[in-house]
Protein backbone atom coordinates (compact mmCIF):
# COMPACT_ATOMS: atom_id res chain seq x y z
CA MET A 1 6.15 -12.85 11.45
CA ARG A 2 4.98 -10.01 8.89
CA HIS A 3 3.06 -7.59 9.29
CA LEU A 4 -0.12 -7.46 7.60
CA LEU A 5 -2.55 -4.17 7.62
CA ASP A 6 -6.29 -4.65 6.52
CA VAL A 7 -7.86 -1.70 4.03
CA ASP A 8 -8.33 0.81 6.81
CA ASP A 9 -5.44 -0.04 8.46
CA LEU A 10 -3.35 0.97 4.79
CA ALA A 11 -5.10 3.98 4.54
CA LYS A 12 -4.97 5.44 8.33
CA TYR A 13 -1.31 4.87 7.90
CA LEU A 14 -0.85 6.02 4.08
CA LYS A 15 -3.97 9.01 5.41
CA LEU A 16 -5.45 8.05 2.95
CA GLN A 17 -9.38 7.54 1.13
CA LYS A 18 -10.13 3.59 2.45
CA GLN A 19 -11.49 4.34 -1.74
CA THR A 20 -8.20 5.18 -3.16
CA ILE A 21 -6.42 2.44 -1.88
CA TYR A 22 -8.73 0.19 -3.93
CA ASN A 23 -7.98 2.46 -7.37
CA TRP A 24 -4.82 1.44 -6.77
CA LEU A 25 -5.77 -2.03 -6.72
CA ASN A 26 -7.36 -1.91 -9.59
CA GLN A 27 -4.27 0.49 -11.84
CA ARG A 28 -1.51 -2.61 -10.10
CA LYS A 29 0.05 0.60 -8.31
CA ILE A 30 0.03 -1.84 -4.44
CA THR A 31 -0.50 -4.85 -4.21
CA GLY A 32 -1.78 -6.95 -1.55
CA ILE A 33 -3.00 -10.44 -1.13
CA LYS A 34 -7.79 -11.41 -0.49
CA LEU A 35 -7.09 -13.27 2.41
CA GLY A 36 -11.40 -14.47 3.04
CA GLY A 37 -12.32 -11.53 1.19
CA VAL A 38 -10.29 -8.94 2.82
CA TRP A 39 -7.00 -7.32 1.18
CA ARG A 40 -3.70 -7.41 3.27
CA PHE A 41 -0.72 -5.41 2.46
CA ASP A 42 2.41 -6.58 4.06
CA LYS A 43 4.25 -3.19 5.92
CA LYS A 44 7.48 -4.78 5.00
CA GLU A 45 6.84 -4.17 1.19
CA ILE A 46 4.23 -1.18 1.44
CA ASP A 47 7.61 1.33 3.15
CA LYS A 48 9.48 -0.86 0.74
CA TRP A 49 6.82 0.60 -1.51
CA LEU A 50 7.20 4.32 -0.32
CA GLN A 51 10.31 4.50 -0.04
CA SER A 52 10.68 3.57 -4.12
CA LYS A 53 8.97 6.48 -5.24
CA SER A 54 10.76 8.76 -2.58
CA LEU A 55 13.80 7.72 -4.81
CA LYS A 56 12.78 8.58 -8.32
CA MET A 57 11.01 11.71 -6.67
CA ARG A 58 14.39 12.70 -5.27
CA LYS A 59 16.06 11.55 -9.21
CA THR A 60 13.77 13.98 -10.27
CA GLU A 61 14.16 16.45 -8.54
């Protein structure tokens, strides 16, 4: 079963402001789905995204 996070949960998980999450959605840096007017994010997909960003940063060092 998928573990879905809302914007508040994702902001806490990533230790960011909620506005940053909305900005990233607008800039298409992250993806989510809107259910009942509320953005939801698959935690596994967020973890994959974080891992890919981490790998890219290591390659540039």
